[in-house]
N, C-alpha and C. Protein backbone atom coordinates (compact mmCIF):
# COMPACT_ATOMS: atom_id res chain seq x y z
N UNK A 1 -97.78 -51.98 78.64
CA UNK A 1 -97.49 -52.92 77.59
C UNK A 1 -98.75 -53.63 77.12
N UNK A 2 -99.61 -54.00 78.04
CA UNK A 2 -100.82 -54.72 77.68
C UNK A 2 -101.75 -53.83 76.86
N UNK A 3 -101.85 -52.56 77.22
CA UNK A 3 -102.69 -51.64 76.47
C UNK A 3 -102.23 -51.49 75.04
N UNK A 4 -100.93 -51.53 74.82
CA UNK A 4 -100.38 -51.40 73.48
C UNK A 4 -100.81 -52.57 72.60
N UNK A 5 -100.84 -53.78 73.15
CA UNK A 5 -101.30 -54.94 72.39
C UNK A 5 -102.77 -54.81 72.01
N UNK A 6 -103.57 -54.27 72.93
CA UNK A 6 -104.99 -54.06 72.63
C UNK A 6 -105.16 -53.04 71.52
N UNK A 7 -104.36 -51.96 71.58
CA UNK A 7 -104.42 -50.94 70.53
C UNK A 7 -104.03 -51.53 69.18
N UNK A 8 -102.97 -52.34 69.17
CA UNK A 8 -102.53 -52.96 67.92
C UNK A 8 -103.60 -53.90 67.38
N UNK A 9 -104.22 -54.66 68.25
CA UNK A 9 -105.26 -55.60 67.83
C UNK A 9 -106.45 -54.84 67.24
N UNK A 10 -106.83 -53.75 67.88
CA UNK A 10 -107.95 -52.95 67.37
C UNK A 10 -107.60 -52.33 66.01
N UNK A 11 -106.37 -51.89 65.87
CA UNK A 11 -105.93 -51.29 64.60
C UNK A 11 -105.95 -52.33 63.49
N UNK A 12 -105.46 -53.52 63.77
CA UNK A 12 -105.45 -54.58 62.77
C UNK A 12 -106.87 -54.96 62.38
N UNK A 13 -107.76 -55.03 63.35
CA UNK A 13 -109.17 -55.34 63.06
C UNK A 13 -109.78 -54.27 62.17
N UNK A 14 -109.50 -53.01 62.46
CA UNK A 14 -110.04 -51.91 61.64
C UNK A 14 -109.47 -51.95 60.23
N UNK A 15 -108.17 -52.23 60.11
CA UNK A 15 -107.56 -52.32 58.79
C UNK A 15 -108.19 -53.44 57.97
N UNK A 16 -108.45 -54.56 58.61
CA UNK A 16 -109.10 -55.67 57.92
C UNK A 16 -110.49 -55.30 57.44
N UNK A 17 -111.21 -54.57 58.28
CA UNK A 17 -112.56 -54.13 57.91
C UNK A 17 -112.51 -53.16 56.73
N UNK A 18 -111.59 -52.21 56.77
CA UNK A 18 -111.45 -51.25 55.67
C UNK A 18 -111.06 -51.96 54.38
N UNK A 19 -110.15 -52.92 54.46
CA UNK A 19 -109.73 -53.67 53.27
C UNK A 19 -110.91 -54.43 52.66
N UNK A 20 -111.71 -55.07 53.51
CA UNK A 20 -112.87 -55.82 53.02
C UNK A 20 -113.88 -54.88 52.37
N UNK A 21 -114.14 -53.73 53.01
CA UNK A 21 -115.08 -52.77 52.44
C UNK A 21 -114.57 -52.21 51.11
N UNK A 22 -113.26 -51.99 51.02
CA UNK A 22 -112.68 -51.49 49.77
C UNK A 22 -112.84 -52.51 48.64
N UNK A 23 -112.57 -53.78 48.95
CA UNK A 23 -112.74 -54.84 47.93
C UNK A 23 -114.20 -54.95 47.51
N UNK A 24 -115.12 -54.83 48.46
CA UNK A 24 -116.55 -54.90 48.13
C UNK A 24 -116.95 -53.73 47.25
N UNK A 25 -116.47 -52.53 47.58
CA UNK A 25 -116.80 -51.35 46.77
C UNK A 25 -116.27 -51.49 45.35
N UNK A 26 -115.05 -52.00 45.22
CA UNK A 26 -114.48 -52.22 43.89
C UNK A 26 -115.30 -53.26 43.12
N UNK A 27 -115.67 -54.33 43.78
CA UNK A 27 -116.46 -55.39 43.12
C UNK A 27 -117.79 -54.84 42.62
N UNK A 28 -118.43 -53.98 43.39
CA UNK A 28 -119.70 -53.39 42.99
C UNK A 28 -119.51 -52.51 41.75
N UNK A 29 -118.45 -51.70 41.76
CA UNK A 29 -118.19 -50.81 40.61
C UNK A 29 -117.85 -51.63 39.36
N UNK A 30 -117.07 -52.70 39.53
CA UNK A 30 -116.74 -53.54 38.38
C UNK A 30 -117.98 -54.23 37.82
N UNK A 31 -118.82 -54.73 38.71
CA UNK A 31 -120.03 -55.43 38.28
C UNK A 31 -120.95 -54.52 37.48
N UNK A 32 -120.96 -53.23 37.82
CA UNK A 32 -121.77 -52.27 37.07
C UNK A 32 -121.34 -52.18 35.61
N UNK A 33 -120.09 -52.57 35.33
CA UNK A 33 -119.56 -52.55 33.96
C UNK A 33 -119.48 -53.96 33.36
N UNK A 34 -120.01 -54.95 34.07
CA UNK A 34 -120.02 -56.31 33.55
C UNK A 34 -118.80 -57.13 33.87
N UNK A 35 -117.98 -56.66 34.79
CA UNK A 35 -116.77 -57.39 35.19
C UNK A 35 -116.93 -57.96 36.58
N UNK A 36 -116.17 -59.01 36.84
CA UNK A 36 -116.13 -59.60 38.16
C UNK A 36 -114.82 -59.22 38.85
N UNK A 37 -114.79 -59.35 40.16
CA UNK A 37 -113.59 -59.02 40.92
C UNK A 37 -112.42 -59.83 40.38
N UNK A 38 -111.30 -59.18 40.19
CA UNK A 38 -110.12 -59.83 39.65
C UNK A 38 -109.94 -59.61 38.16
N UNK A 39 -111.03 -59.41 37.45
CA UNK A 39 -110.92 -59.20 36.01
C UNK A 39 -110.33 -57.83 35.70
N UNK A 40 -110.37 -56.91 36.65
CA UNK A 40 -109.75 -55.61 36.44
C UNK A 40 -108.25 -55.74 36.20
N UNK A 41 -107.61 -56.70 36.88
CA UNK A 41 -106.18 -56.92 36.69
C UNK A 41 -105.88 -57.42 35.28
N UNK A 42 -106.77 -58.22 34.75
CA UNK A 42 -106.60 -58.71 33.39
C UNK A 42 -106.74 -57.55 32.40
N UNK A 43 -107.72 -56.71 32.62
CA UNK A 43 -107.92 -55.56 31.73
C UNK A 43 -106.73 -54.61 31.79
N UNK A 44 -106.17 -54.40 32.97
CA UNK A 44 -104.99 -53.55 33.09
C UNK A 44 -103.81 -54.14 32.33
N UNK A 45 -103.63 -55.44 32.43
CA UNK A 45 -102.54 -56.10 31.72
C UNK A 45 -102.73 -56.00 30.22
N UNK A 46 -103.95 -56.19 29.75
CA UNK A 46 -104.22 -56.09 28.31
C UNK A 46 -104.06 -54.67 27.80
N UNK A 47 -104.38 -53.70 28.65
CA UNK A 47 -104.27 -52.31 28.25
C UNK A 47 -102.84 -51.83 28.11
N UNK A 48 -101.90 -52.53 28.73
CA UNK A 48 -100.50 -52.13 28.68
C UNK A 48 -99.76 -52.67 27.47
N UNK A 49 -100.38 -53.53 26.69
CA UNK A 49 -99.68 -54.17 25.57
C UNK A 49 -100.54 -54.12 24.31
N UNK A 50 -99.92 -54.49 23.21
CA UNK A 50 -100.64 -54.58 21.93
C UNK A 50 -101.45 -55.87 21.85
N UNK A 51 -101.17 -56.80 22.71
CA UNK A 51 -101.87 -58.07 22.71
C UNK A 51 -101.04 -59.11 23.45
N UNK A 52 -101.71 -60.12 23.92
CA UNK A 52 -101.04 -61.19 24.65
C UNK A 52 -101.69 -62.51 24.29
N UNK A 53 -100.88 -63.55 24.33
CA UNK A 53 -101.46 -64.88 24.19
C UNK A 53 -102.09 -65.24 25.54
N UNK A 54 -103.01 -66.19 25.56
CA UNK A 54 -103.58 -66.60 26.85
C UNK A 54 -102.51 -67.05 27.85
N UNK A 55 -101.45 -67.71 27.37
CA UNK A 55 -100.38 -68.14 28.26
C UNK A 55 -99.62 -66.98 28.87
N UNK A 56 -99.34 -65.96 28.05
CA UNK A 56 -98.64 -64.78 28.56
C UNK A 56 -99.50 -64.06 29.60
N UNK A 57 -100.77 -63.95 29.31
CA UNK A 57 -101.69 -63.29 30.23
C UNK A 57 -101.78 -64.05 31.55
N UNK A 58 -101.87 -65.37 31.47
CA UNK A 58 -101.95 -66.19 32.68
C UNK A 58 -100.67 -66.06 33.50
N UNK A 59 -99.53 -66.04 32.82
CA UNK A 59 -98.26 -65.93 33.53
C UNK A 59 -98.12 -64.56 34.21
N UNK A 60 -98.49 -63.50 33.51
CA UNK A 60 -98.36 -62.17 34.08
C UNK A 60 -99.27 -61.99 35.29
N UNK A 61 -100.45 -62.57 35.25
CA UNK A 61 -101.40 -62.42 36.35
C UNK A 61 -101.36 -63.58 37.33
N UNK A 62 -100.35 -64.45 37.18
CA UNK A 62 -100.15 -65.58 38.09
C UNK A 62 -101.40 -66.44 38.23
N UNK A 63 -101.98 -66.78 37.10
CA UNK A 63 -103.17 -67.63 37.08
C UNK A 63 -102.81 -69.00 36.56
N UNK A 64 -103.46 -70.01 37.06
CA UNK A 64 -103.24 -71.36 36.53
C UNK A 64 -103.99 -71.46 35.20
N UNK A 65 -103.53 -72.29 34.29
CA UNK A 65 -104.18 -72.40 32.97
C UNK A 65 -105.69 -72.65 33.01
N UNK A 66 -106.23 -73.54 33.88
CA UNK A 66 -107.69 -73.71 33.85
C UNK A 66 -108.44 -72.43 34.22
N UNK A 67 -107.95 -71.71 35.23
CA UNK A 67 -108.62 -70.46 35.62
C UNK A 67 -108.45 -69.41 34.54
N UNK A 68 -107.28 -69.38 33.92
CA UNK A 68 -107.06 -68.44 32.84
C UNK A 68 -107.99 -68.71 31.68
N UNK A 69 -108.18 -69.96 31.33
CA UNK A 69 -109.08 -70.31 30.24
C UNK A 69 -110.50 -69.88 30.55
N UNK A 70 -110.95 -70.07 31.77
CA UNK A 70 -112.31 -69.66 32.15
C UNK A 70 -112.47 -68.15 32.00
N UNK A 71 -111.47 -67.39 32.47
CA UNK A 71 -111.55 -65.93 32.34
C UNK A 71 -111.51 -65.51 30.89
N UNK A 72 -110.64 -66.13 30.11
CA UNK A 72 -110.55 -65.78 28.69
C UNK A 72 -111.87 -66.04 27.97
N UNK A 73 -112.49 -67.18 28.27
CA UNK A 73 -113.77 -67.49 27.65
C UNK A 73 -114.85 -66.51 28.10
N UNK A 74 -114.79 -66.10 29.35
CA UNK A 74 -115.74 -65.13 29.87
C UNK A 74 -115.60 -63.80 29.13
N UNK A 75 -114.37 -63.35 28.96
CA UNK A 75 -114.12 -62.10 28.23
C UNK A 75 -114.54 -62.23 26.78
N UNK A 76 -114.22 -63.35 26.17
CA UNK A 76 -114.58 -63.56 24.76
C UNK A 76 -116.09 -63.55 24.59
N UNK A 77 -116.81 -64.11 25.56
CA UNK A 77 -118.27 -64.13 25.48
C UNK A 77 -118.88 -62.75 25.53
N UNK A 78 -118.21 -61.81 26.17
CA UNK A 78 -118.73 -60.45 26.25
C UNK A 78 -118.27 -59.59 25.08
N UNK A 79 -117.33 -60.13 24.27
CA UNK A 79 -116.82 -59.38 23.13
C UNK A 79 -115.66 -58.47 23.48
N UNK A 80 -115.14 -58.57 24.71
CA UNK A 80 -114.04 -57.72 25.13
C UNK A 80 -112.73 -58.14 24.46
N UNK A 81 -112.55 -59.43 24.29
CA UNK A 81 -111.36 -59.93 23.63
C UNK A 81 -111.68 -61.24 22.94
N UNK A 82 -110.69 -61.77 22.23
CA UNK A 82 -110.84 -63.06 21.55
C UNK A 82 -110.10 -64.11 22.36
N UNK A 83 -110.71 -65.26 22.51
CA UNK A 83 -110.06 -66.36 23.24
C UNK A 83 -109.10 -67.10 22.34
């Protein structure tokens, strides 16, 4: 029984490491295109529709209005969308 707990703990540790490395790899790839981590979800949401208001976008991505405004302004500054 004790060995099983050690195996589970090691597995959970490895899964956490893989998850962190995956997020880092995604962040590096996004940054190469001028995006920050998390902005990929916004781009996916925008790609699925003809357009969204900032409020609709914030609601779909579960963002609070101040954070949504910062992201919208960031995208508008790059010319990706209009704020």
